[in-house]
Amino acid sequence: MFQRLPDAGDTTLSITVDGKPVTARAGDSVAATLLAAGIDHCRTTPVSGAPRAPYCMMGVCFECLMVIDGVGNRQGCLVPVRDGMAVEIQHGKRELAR
């Protein structure tokens, strides 16, 4: 369903998602990178554990919460991807780093 436009010669970056390498494009958000890589969800709900995926892609719905570089509850659609970034699927409720 989600697919990229033909390659426009964009710079590629490397991130890890749950410890596995994923190729990203410079300028993409973390949520867009996960969708392009075929990862079907970025978090599970605290009560039922149901998987949730990015929805609005503009920071309104909070469905794209994930752990980015060790900090939980980050909105993946608002965070630009950068080389070496470590991303984790967020399971249930995660407190913000203090």
N, C-alpha and C. Protein backbone atom coordinates (compact mmCIF):
# COMPACT_ATOMS: atom_id res chain seq x y z
N MET A 1 0.83 -1.19 0.00
CA MET A 1 0.00 0.00 0.00
C MET A 1 0.87 1.25 0.00
N PHE A 2 1.81 1.34 0.91
CA PHE A 2 2.70 2.49 0.96
C PHE A 2 3.92 2.17 0.11
N GLN A 3 4.21 2.99 -0.87
CA GLN A 3 5.41 2.78 -1.66
C GLN A 3 6.01 4.11 -2.06
N ARG A 4 7.29 4.09 -2.29
CA ARG A 4 8.02 5.29 -2.64
C ARG A 4 7.86 5.62 -4.11
N LEU A 5 8.05 6.89 -4.41
CA LEU A 5 8.16 7.32 -5.80
C LEU A 5 9.50 6.82 -6.34
N PRO A 6 9.67 6.77 -7.63
CA PRO A 6 10.97 6.32 -8.17
C PRO A 6 12.13 7.11 -7.55
N ASP A 7 13.24 6.42 -7.37
CA ASP A 7 14.42 7.01 -6.74
C ASP A 7 14.85 8.28 -7.45
N ALA A 8 14.97 9.34 -6.67
CA ALA A 8 15.38 10.63 -7.22
C ALA A 8 16.84 10.92 -6.88
N GLY A 9 17.61 9.87 -6.54
CA GLY A 9 19.01 10.07 -6.23
C GLY A 9 19.23 10.61 -4.83
N ASP A 10 18.27 10.40 -3.94
CA ASP A 10 18.39 10.89 -2.57
C ASP A 10 19.50 10.16 -1.82
N THR A 11 20.04 10.82 -0.83
CA THR A 11 21.07 10.24 0.01
C THR A 11 20.45 9.17 0.90
N THR A 12 21.08 8.01 0.99
CA THR A 12 20.58 6.97 1.87
C THR A 12 21.34 6.98 3.18
N LEU A 13 20.63 6.63 4.23
CA LEU A 13 21.17 6.58 5.59
C LEU A 13 20.91 5.19 6.15
N SER A 14 21.57 4.85 7.22
CA SER A 14 21.35 3.57 7.88
C SER A 14 20.92 3.81 9.32
N ILE A 15 19.80 3.18 9.71
CA ILE A 15 19.34 3.23 11.09
C ILE A 15 19.10 1.79 11.53
N THR A 16 18.84 1.61 12.82
CA THR A 16 18.45 0.28 13.29
C THR A 16 17.04 0.37 13.87
N VAL A 17 16.25 -0.65 13.59
CA VAL A 17 14.91 -0.78 14.16
C VAL A 17 14.87 -2.10 14.90
N ASP A 18 14.74 -2.02 16.21
CA ASP A 18 14.81 -3.21 17.06
C ASP A 18 16.09 -4.00 16.78
N GLY A 19 17.18 -3.29 16.56
CA GLY A 19 18.48 -3.90 16.37
C GLY A 19 18.78 -4.38 14.96
N LYS A 20 17.81 -4.27 14.06
CA LYS A 20 18.02 -4.71 12.68
C LYS A 20 18.27 -3.51 11.78
N PRO A 21 19.24 -3.60 10.86
CA PRO A 21 19.53 -2.46 9.99
C PRO A 21 18.39 -2.18 9.01
N VAL A 22 18.12 -0.89 8.82
CA VAL A 22 17.08 -0.44 7.88
C VAL A 22 17.67 0.73 7.10
N THR A 23 17.43 0.74 5.80
CA THR A 23 17.89 1.85 4.96
C THR A 23 16.84 2.94 4.94
N ALA A 24 17.27 4.17 5.10
CA ALA A 24 16.38 5.33 5.12
C ALA A 24 16.84 6.34 4.07
N ARG A 25 15.98 7.27 3.76
CA ARG A 25 16.33 8.37 2.87
C ARG A 25 16.45 9.66 3.68
N ALA A 26 17.49 10.42 3.39
CA ALA A 26 17.66 11.71 4.05
C ALA A 26 16.42 12.56 3.79
N GLY A 27 15.92 13.21 4.82
CA GLY A 27 14.75 14.07 4.70
C GLY A 27 13.44 13.40 5.10
N ASP A 28 13.45 12.06 5.20
CA ASP A 28 12.25 11.34 5.63
C ASP A 28 12.09 11.41 7.13
N SER A 29 10.87 11.19 7.60
CA SER A 29 10.64 11.05 9.03
C SER A 29 10.89 9.60 9.42
N VAL A 30 11.01 9.35 10.71
CA VAL A 30 11.20 7.99 11.19
C VAL A 30 9.99 7.14 10.81
N ALA A 31 8.79 7.67 10.96
CA ALA A 31 7.57 6.93 10.63
C ALA A 31 7.54 6.57 9.14
N ALA A 32 7.89 7.49 8.27
CA ALA A 32 7.90 7.21 6.83
C ALA A 32 8.94 6.15 6.50
N THR A 33 10.06 6.16 7.19
CA THR A 33 11.10 5.16 6.97
C THR A 33 10.60 3.77 7.34
N LEU A 34 9.92 3.64 8.49
CA LEU A 34 9.37 2.36 8.89
C LEU A 34 8.35 1.85 7.88
N LEU A 35 7.45 2.72 7.44
CA LEU A 35 6.45 2.31 6.45
C LEU A 35 7.11 1.87 5.15
N ALA A 36 8.10 2.62 4.69
CA ALA A 36 8.80 2.27 3.44
C ALA A 36 9.55 0.95 3.56
N ALA A 37 9.98 0.61 4.78
CA ALA A 37 10.71 -0.63 5.01
C ALA A 37 9.77 -1.82 5.21
N GLY A 38 8.47 -1.57 5.18
CA GLY A 38 7.50 -2.66 5.34
C GLY A 38 7.21 -3.04 6.77
N ILE A 39 7.62 -2.21 7.70
CA ILE A 39 7.33 -2.46 9.12
C ILE A 39 5.91 -1.99 9.38
N ASP A 40 5.04 -2.91 9.81
CA ASP A 40 3.61 -2.63 9.82
C ASP A 40 3.07 -1.95 11.08
N HIS A 41 3.88 -1.81 12.12
CA HIS A 41 3.43 -1.05 13.30
C HIS A 41 4.64 -0.48 14.03
N CYS A 42 4.38 0.56 14.82
CA CYS A 42 5.48 1.21 15.54
C CYS A 42 5.26 1.18 17.05
N ARG A 43 4.09 0.72 17.48
CA ARG A 43 3.83 0.61 18.91
C ARG A 43 2.71 -0.38 19.15
N THR A 44 2.57 -0.79 20.42
CA THR A 44 1.41 -1.55 20.84
C THR A 44 0.72 -0.79 21.96
N THR A 45 -0.58 -0.98 22.09
CA THR A 45 -1.33 -0.23 23.09
C THR A 45 -1.06 -0.77 24.49
N PRO A 46 -1.15 0.10 25.51
CA PRO A 46 -0.86 -0.33 26.88
C PRO A 46 -1.86 -1.34 27.43
N VAL A 47 -3.13 -1.26 27.04
CA VAL A 47 -4.15 -2.12 27.64
C VAL A 47 -4.26 -3.47 26.94
N SER A 48 -4.50 -3.47 25.63
CA SER A 48 -4.74 -4.73 24.93
C SER A 48 -3.53 -5.27 24.17
N GLY A 49 -2.52 -4.44 23.96
CA GLY A 49 -1.36 -4.85 23.19
C GLY A 49 -1.59 -4.84 21.69
N ALA A 50 -2.67 -4.18 21.26
CA ALA A 50 -2.99 -4.12 19.84
C ALA A 50 -1.93 -3.29 19.10
N PRO A 51 -1.52 -3.73 17.91
CA PRO A 51 -0.52 -2.97 17.16
C PRO A 51 -1.12 -1.69 16.58
N ARG A 52 -0.32 -0.63 16.54
CA ARG A 52 -0.74 0.64 15.97
C ARG A 52 0.32 1.09 14.98
N ALA A 53 -0.13 1.73 13.91
CA ALA A 53 0.76 2.21 12.86
C ALA A 53 0.55 3.71 12.68
N PRO A 54 1.51 4.40 12.06
CA PRO A 54 1.32 5.82 11.78
C PRO A 54 0.03 6.04 10.99
N TYR A 55 -0.68 7.11 11.32
CA TYR A 55 -1.96 7.38 10.69
C TYR A 55 -1.97 8.73 9.99
N CYS A 56 -1.84 9.81 10.75
CA CYS A 56 -2.00 11.14 10.15
C CYS A 56 -0.71 11.68 9.53
N MET A 57 0.44 11.23 10.02
CA MET A 57 1.76 11.65 9.54
C MET A 57 2.02 13.15 9.70
N MET A 58 1.30 13.80 10.63
CA MET A 58 1.54 15.23 10.87
C MET A 58 1.47 15.60 12.35
N GLY A 59 1.54 14.62 13.25
CA GLY A 59 1.65 14.91 14.66
C GLY A 59 0.36 15.14 15.42
N VAL A 60 -0.77 14.81 14.84
CA VAL A 60 -2.05 15.06 15.50
C VAL A 60 -2.57 13.83 16.25
N CYS A 61 -2.40 12.64 15.69
CA CYS A 61 -3.10 11.46 16.22
C CYS A 61 -2.32 10.67 17.29
N PHE A 62 -1.03 10.80 17.40
CA PHE A 62 -0.18 10.11 18.38
C PHE A 62 -0.16 8.59 18.21
N GLU A 63 -0.49 8.08 17.02
CA GLU A 63 -0.42 6.64 16.77
C GLU A 63 1.00 6.18 16.47
N CYS A 64 1.90 7.10 16.17
CA CYS A 64 3.26 6.72 15.76
C CYS A 64 4.28 6.83 16.90
N LEU A 65 3.82 6.71 18.15
CA LEU A 65 4.76 6.79 19.26
C LEU A 65 5.74 5.63 19.22
N MET A 66 7.01 5.93 19.42
CA MET A 66 8.04 4.90 19.42
C MET A 66 9.22 5.36 20.27
N VAL A 67 10.14 4.46 20.49
CA VAL A 67 11.35 4.77 21.25
C VAL A 67 12.44 5.13 20.25
N ILE A 68 12.93 6.37 20.35
CA ILE A 68 13.96 6.86 19.42
C ILE A 68 15.18 7.27 20.23
N ASP A 69 16.29 6.63 19.96
CA ASP A 69 17.54 6.87 20.69
C ASP A 69 17.34 6.81 22.20
N GLY A 70 16.57 5.81 22.64
CA GLY A 70 16.37 5.57 24.07
C GLY A 70 15.30 6.40 24.73
N VAL A 71 14.66 7.29 24.02
CA VAL A 71 13.62 8.15 24.59
C VAL A 71 12.26 7.67 24.09
N GLY A 72 11.38 7.30 25.02
CA GLY A 72 10.07 6.79 24.67
C GLY A 72 9.08 7.90 24.35
N ASN A 73 7.93 7.49 23.79
CA ASN A 73 6.82 8.39 23.46
C ASN A 73 7.20 9.49 22.49
N ARG A 74 8.13 9.22 21.59
CA ARG A 74 8.47 10.19 20.54
C ARG A 74 7.55 9.97 19.35
N GLN A 75 7.05 11.02 18.77
CA GLN A 75 6.21 10.93 17.59
C GLN A 75 7.10 10.75 16.37
N GLY A 76 7.10 9.55 15.83
CA GLY A 76 7.98 9.22 14.72
C GLY A 76 7.72 10.03 13.47
N CYS A 77 6.50 10.52 13.30
CA CYS A 77 6.20 11.31 12.10
C CYS A 77 6.81 12.70 12.15
N LEU A 78 7.21 13.15 13.33
CA LEU A 78 7.78 14.50 13.48
C LEU A 78 9.30 14.50 13.62
N VAL A 79 9.90 13.33 13.74
CA VAL A 79 11.34 13.24 13.95
C VAL A 79 12.04 12.89 12.64
N PRO A 80 12.90 13.78 12.13
CA PRO A 80 13.63 13.45 10.90
C PRO A 80 14.66 12.36 11.16
N VAL A 81 14.79 11.46 10.22
CA VAL A 81 15.74 10.36 10.35
C VAL A 81 17.16 10.90 10.18
N ARG A 82 18.10 10.30 10.93
CA ARG A 82 19.50 10.67 10.78
C ARG A 82 20.33 9.40 10.85
N ASP A 83 21.49 9.44 10.26
CA ASP A 83 22.36 8.27 10.19
C ASP A 83 22.71 7.77 11.59
N GLY A 84 22.60 6.46 11.80
CA GLY A 84 22.97 5.85 13.07
C GLY A 84 21.89 5.86 14.13
N MET A 85 20.72 6.37 13.83
CA MET A 85 19.63 6.45 14.78
C MET A 85 19.19 5.05 15.21
N ALA A 86 18.86 4.89 16.50
CA ALA A 86 18.36 3.61 17.02
C ALA A 86 16.88 3.78 17.35
N VAL A 87 16.05 2.99 16.70
CA VAL A 87 14.60 3.06 16.86
C VAL A 87 14.11 1.72 17.39
N GLU A 88 13.12 1.77 18.30
CA GLU A 88 12.52 0.56 18.83
C GLU A 88 11.01 0.67 18.75
N ILE A 89 10.36 -0.46 18.49
CA ILE A 89 8.91 -0.52 18.57
C ILE A 89 8.56 -0.32 20.04
N GLN A 90 7.61 0.55 20.33
CA GLN A 90 7.24 0.83 21.71
C GLN A 90 6.14 -0.14 22.14
N HIS A 91 6.40 -0.88 23.20
CA HIS A 91 5.45 -1.85 23.71
C HIS A 91 4.76 -1.28 24.94
N GLY A 92 3.46 -1.01 24.83
CA GLY A 92 2.71 -0.45 25.95
C GLY A 92 3.12 0.96 26.26
N LYS A 93 3.01 1.31 27.52
CA LYS A 93 3.34 2.67 27.97
C LYS A 93 4.83 2.77 28.26
N ARG A 94 5.44 3.84 27.82
CA ARG A 94 6.86 4.07 28.07
C ARG A 94 7.01 5.47 28.62
N GLU A 95 7.66 5.60 29.74
CA GLU A 95 7.88 6.92 30.34
C GLU A 95 8.97 7.66 29.58
N LEU A 96 8.85 8.97 29.54
CA LEU A 96 9.88 9.79 28.92
C LEU A 96 11.17 9.69 29.72
N ALA A 97 12.27 9.78 29.04
CA ALA A 97 13.57 9.78 29.73
C ALA A 97 13.67 11.04 30.57
N ARG A 98 14.29 10.93 31.70
CA ARG A 98 14.40 12.10 32.59
C ARG A 98 15.79 12.63 32.60
